Amino acid sequence: MRAVIAEDSVLLRVGLIKVLEMGGFQVVAEAGDAEGLLAAVAEHRPELALIDVRMPPGFTDEGVRAAMEIRRRRPGTAVVLLSQYVEERYAADLLSANTSGVGYLLKQRVADVADFVAAVRRVADGGTALDPQVVAQLLLRRDSDPLARLTPREREVLGLMAEGRSNAGIAQALVVSESAVAKHINNIFPKLDLPVVDVDHRRVLAVLRFLGASRA
């Protein structure tokens, strides 16, 4: 799977290249700013773009805007945003536009190579990945209805869903059975006033409600 990396720090960029190559990705291009990123994606048409949130010239949200532009031009390109700090509104901005093949991870997560590569791989395969610290901060802030209806365990399950974990992954993290996880998820849906549609779509709606990105 081919990847493009956009990161203005040369040292971190070199490290990311090595980590992705260790994980089986082929890094076909690298960039230090959003303009270079968009040009590289247009030229190489990668399956994955790993993007720093803040890049030259303004060091604000250049990476986020570039990621959304990439998804507009090439919807099938998976994008993972990397940030130094928890800025959950960027995760919400990206997920509000599309909930498949997107991720938001803190840069410190790179130190745990196995987990980082697994999260990036999950996004590349069409899933989602939210950094646990982003999820934790969102849980602290989302204390109004309808999320207040959830039990502490249901909030844990929803948080792990937001990280992009499957039922099996949630069960492993909470040391419970998959059937118990399924029961919690089935309890979450009506408490969040979600419409009766297929399960995968309801999971997406639940995560969007959690992020505050859904206006429904």
Protein backbone atom coordinates (compact mmCIF):
# COMPACT_ATOMS: atom_id res chain seq x y z
CA MET A 1 0.00 0.00 0.00
CA ARG A 2 1.42 3.36 -1.09
CA ALA A 3 1.58 6.31 1.30
CA VAL A 4 2.48 10.01 1.26
CA ILE A 5 3.74 11.75 4.40
CA ALA A 6 3.36 15.48 5.12
CA GLU A 7 5.31 16.71 8.17
CA ASP A 8 7.41 19.88 8.45
CA SER A 9 9.83 18.39 11.02
CA VAL A 10 12.49 16.56 9.02
CA LEU A 11 13.45 14.31 11.94
CA LEU A 12 9.87 13.22 12.61
CA ARG A 13 9.24 12.77 8.90
CA VAL A 14 12.23 10.42 8.60
CA GLY A 15 10.98 8.51 11.64
CA LEU A 16 7.47 8.19 10.19
CA ILE A 17 8.87 6.89 6.93
CA LYS A 18 10.80 4.17 8.75
CA VAL A 19 7.79 3.23 10.89
CA LEU A 20 5.46 2.95 7.90
CA GLU A 21 8.01 0.96 5.90
CA MET A 22 8.41 -1.40 8.86
CA GLY A 23 4.62 -1.80 8.79
CA GLY A 24 4.62 -2.83 5.13
CA PHE A 25 3.72 0.51 3.54
CA GLN A 26 5.58 1.96 0.56
CA VAL A 27 6.24 5.66 1.11
CA VAL A 28 6.17 7.13 -2.40
CA ALA A 29 6.54 10.82 -1.49
CA GLU A 30 7.09 13.21 1.40
CA ALA A 31 6.26 16.88 1.86
CA GLY A 32 6.94 19.66 4.35
CA ASP A 33 3.86 21.78 3.68
CA ALA A 34 0.26 21.51 2.49
CA GLU A 35 1.00 22.69 -1.04
CA GLY A 36 3.66 20.00 -1.46
CA LEU A 37 1.29 17.42 -0.02
CA LEU A 38 -1.50 18.19 -2.49
CA ALA A 39 0.98 18.07 -5.39
CA ALA A 40 2.38 14.72 -4.19
CA VAL A 41 -1.10 13.19 -3.86
CA ALA A 42 -2.06 14.40 -7.33
CA GLU A 43 1.11 12.93 -8.83
CA HIS A 44 1.37 9.62 -6.98
CA ARG A 45 -2.29 8.85 -6.14
CA PRO A 46 -1.46 7.04 -2.87
CA GLU A 47 -3.90 4.93 -0.88
CA LEU A 48 -2.90 6.71 2.36
CA ALA A 49 -1.85 10.22 3.40
CA LEU A 50 -0.28 10.81 6.82
CA ILE A 51 -0.63 14.52 7.57
CA ASP A 52 0.57 16.91 10.26
CA VAL A 53 -2.29 19.15 11.46
CA ARG A 54 -0.15 22.31 11.66
CA MET A 55 2.21 23.06 8.78
CA PRO A 56 3.80 26.07 7.06
CA PRO A 57 3.14 28.82 6.40
CA GLY A 58 0.68 29.61 9.20
CA PHE A 59 1.06 26.56 11.47
CA THR A 60 -2.68 26.55 12.22
CA ASP A 61 -4.94 24.09 10.42
CA GLU A 62 -3.20 23.75 7.04
CA GLY A 63 -3.03 19.97 7.37
CA VAL A 64 -6.73 19.65 8.18
CA ARG A 65 -7.75 21.76 5.20
CA ALA A 66 -5.41 19.79 2.95
CA ALA A 67 -6.84 16.50 4.23
CA MET A 68 -10.39 17.64 3.48
CA GLU A 69 -9.32 18.80 0.02
CA ILE A 70 -7.72 15.41 -0.64
CA ARG A 71 -10.95 13.67 0.38
CA ARG A 72 -12.92 16.01 -1.90
CA ARG A 73 -10.68 15.30 -4.88
CA ARG A 74 -9.98 11.63 -4.17
CA PRO A 75 -12.61 10.25 -1.75
CA GLY A 76 -10.95 6.83 -1.66
CA THR A 77 -7.70 8.15 -0.16
CA ALA A 78 -7.36 7.28 3.53
CA VAL A 79 -6.08 10.16 5.67
CA VAL A 80 -4.54 10.16 9.15
CA LEU A 81 -4.03 13.49 10.91
CA LEU A 82 -1.15 13.79 13.38
CA SER A 83 -1.23 16.41 16.13
CA GLN A 84 1.05 17.48 18.95
CA TYR A 85 -1.92 18.25 21.21
CA VAL A 86 -5.54 17.17 21.64
CA GLU A 87 -7.66 19.34 19.34
CA GLU A 88 -10.85 17.35 18.98
CA ARG A 89 -12.60 19.86 16.73
CA TYR A 90 -10.25 18.84 13.93
CA ALA A 91 -11.26 15.21 14.36
CA ALA A 92 -14.91 16.26 14.28
CA ASP A 93 -14.35 18.39 11.15
CA LEU A 94 -12.80 15.48 9.30
CA LEU A 95 -15.32 12.88 10.46
CA SER A 96 -18.31 15.11 9.76
CA ALA A 97 -17.37 14.99 6.08
CA ASN A 98 -16.65 11.26 5.88
CA THR A 99 -16.38 8.49 8.44
CA SER A 100 -14.48 5.84 6.52
CA GLY A 101 -10.72 5.80 6.09
CA VAL A 102 -10.00 8.65 8.52
CA GLY A 103 -7.88 8.89 11.66
CA TYR A 104 -6.66 11.43 14.22
CA LEU A 105 -3.67 10.46 16.36
CA LEU A 106 -1.28 12.27 18.66
CA LYS A 107 2.35 12.29 17.57
CA GLN A 108 3.43 10.67 20.82
CA ARG A 109 1.56 7.56 19.67
CA VAL A 110 4.34 6.92 17.13
CA ALA A 111 6.56 5.72 19.99
CA ASP A 112 4.38 2.62 20.33
CA VAL A 113 5.19 1.34 16.87
CA ALA A 114 2.92 -1.70 16.89
CA ASP A 115 -0.18 0.19 18.05
CA PHE A 116 0.54 3.10 15.73
CA VAL A 117 0.95 0.89 12.68
CA ALA A 118 -2.19 -1.06 13.62
CA ALA A 119 -4.19 2.18 13.84
CA VAL A 120 -2.85 3.45 10.51
CA ARG A 121 -3.54 0.09 8.90
CA ARG A 122 -7.12 0.18 10.23
CA VAL A 123 -7.64 3.57 8.58
CA ALA A 124 -5.99 2.43 5.35
CA ASP A 125 -8.41 -0.50 5.27
CA GLY A 126 -11.38 1.87 5.45
CA GLY A 127 -11.90 2.11 9.21
CA THR A 128 -11.43 4.93 11.71
CA ALA A 129 -8.89 5.58 14.45
CA LEU A 130 -9.14 8.22 17.16
CA ASP A 131 -6.38 8.72 19.69
CA PRO A 132 -7.41 7.49 23.18
CA GLN A 133 -6.54 10.91 24.65
CA VAL A 134 -8.92 12.60 22.22
CA VAL A 135 -11.63 10.15 23.23
CA ALA A 136 -10.93 10.73 26.94
CA GLN A 137 -11.22 14.50 26.56
CA LEU A 138 -14.44 14.17 24.62
CA LEU A 139 -15.89 11.96 27.34
CA LEU A 140 -15.16 14.63 29.95
CA ARG A 141 -16.87 17.32 27.91
CA ARG A 142 -19.92 15.44 26.62
CA ASP A 143 -21.99 15.37 29.76
CA SER A 144 -25.27 16.72 28.32
CA ASP A 145 -28.22 14.76 26.92
CA PRO A 146 -28.46 12.38 25.19
CA LEU A 147 -24.98 11.13 26.15
CA ALA A 148 -25.82 11.65 29.82
CA ARG A 149 -28.28 8.77 29.47
CA LEU A 150 -25.44 6.31 29.02
CA THR A 151 -24.06 4.24 31.87
CA PRO A 152 -20.31 4.49 32.65
CA ARG A 153 -19.74 1.15 30.89
CA GLU A 154 -21.72 2.26 27.84
CA ARG A 155 -19.63 5.44 27.68
CA GLU A 156 -16.49 3.28 27.77
CA VAL A 157 -17.83 1.16 24.92
CA LEU A 158 -18.76 4.25 22.88
CA GLY A 159 -15.32 5.72 23.49
CA LEU A 160 -13.67 2.56 22.17
CA MET A 161 -16.02 2.59 19.18
CA ALA A 162 -14.82 6.13 18.49
CA GLU A 163 -11.23 4.86 18.50
CA GLY A 164 -12.30 2.57 15.65
CA ARG A 165 -12.23 -0.72 17.53
CA SER A 166 -14.33 -3.69 16.48
CA ASN A 167 -16.57 -5.58 18.90
CA ALA A 168 -13.75 -8.08 19.41
CA GLY A 169 -11.27 -5.26 20.09
CA ILE A 170 -13.64 -3.64 22.60
CA ALA A 171 -14.20 -6.97 24.33
CA GLN A 172 -10.45 -7.49 24.65
CA ALA A 173 -9.89 -3.98 26.02
CA LEU A 174 -12.66 -4.30 28.63
CA VAL A 175 -12.03 -8.01 29.37
CA VAL A 176 -15.64 -8.97 28.65
CA SER A 177 -17.34 -11.22 26.11
CA GLU A 178 -18.25 -10.05 22.62
CA SER A 179 -21.89 -10.76 23.40
CA ALA A 180 -21.68 -8.37 26.36
CA VAL A 181 -20.22 -5.71 24.06
CA ALA A 182 -23.02 -6.26 21.53
CA LYS A 183 -25.58 -5.86 24.31
CA HIS A 184 -24.03 -2.56 25.43
CA ILE A 185 -23.97 -1.28 21.83
CA ASN A 186 -27.60 -2.24 21.31
CA ASN A 187 -28.44 -0.29 24.47
CA ILE A 188 -26.47 2.75 23.29
CA PHE A 189 -28.35 3.19 19.99
CA PRO A 190 -31.83 3.96 21.38
CA LYS A 191 -30.40 6.10 24.20
CA LEU A 192 -28.81 8.33 21.55
CA ASP A 193 -32.12 8.51 19.63
CA LEU A 194 -30.53 6.97 16.54
CA PRO A 195 -32.78 5.85 13.67
CA VAL A 196 -33.32 2.16 13.02
CA VAL A 197 -30.94 1.46 10.13
CA ASP A 198 -28.21 -1.12 9.54
CA VAL A 199 -25.80 -1.70 12.42
CA ASP A 200 -22.69 -0.34 10.67
CA HIS A 201 -24.45 2.94 9.87
CA ARG A 202 -25.76 3.24 13.43
CA ARG A 203 -22.20 2.79 14.73
CA VAL A 204 -21.09 5.69 12.54
CA LEU A 205 -23.99 7.84 13.75
CA ALA A 206 -23.16 6.98 17.37
CA VAL A 207 -19.54 8.08 16.93
CA LEU A 208 -20.64 11.29 15.22
CA ARG A 209 -23.06 12.00 18.07
CA PHE A 210 -20.20 11.36 20.48
CA LEU A 211 -17.98 13.81 18.65
CA GLY A 212 -20.71 16.41 18.47
CA ALA A 213 -20.31 16.39 14.70
CA SER A 214 -23.85 15.26 13.91
CA ARG A 215 -26.65 17.82 13.87
CA ALA A 216 -29.36 15.15 13.60
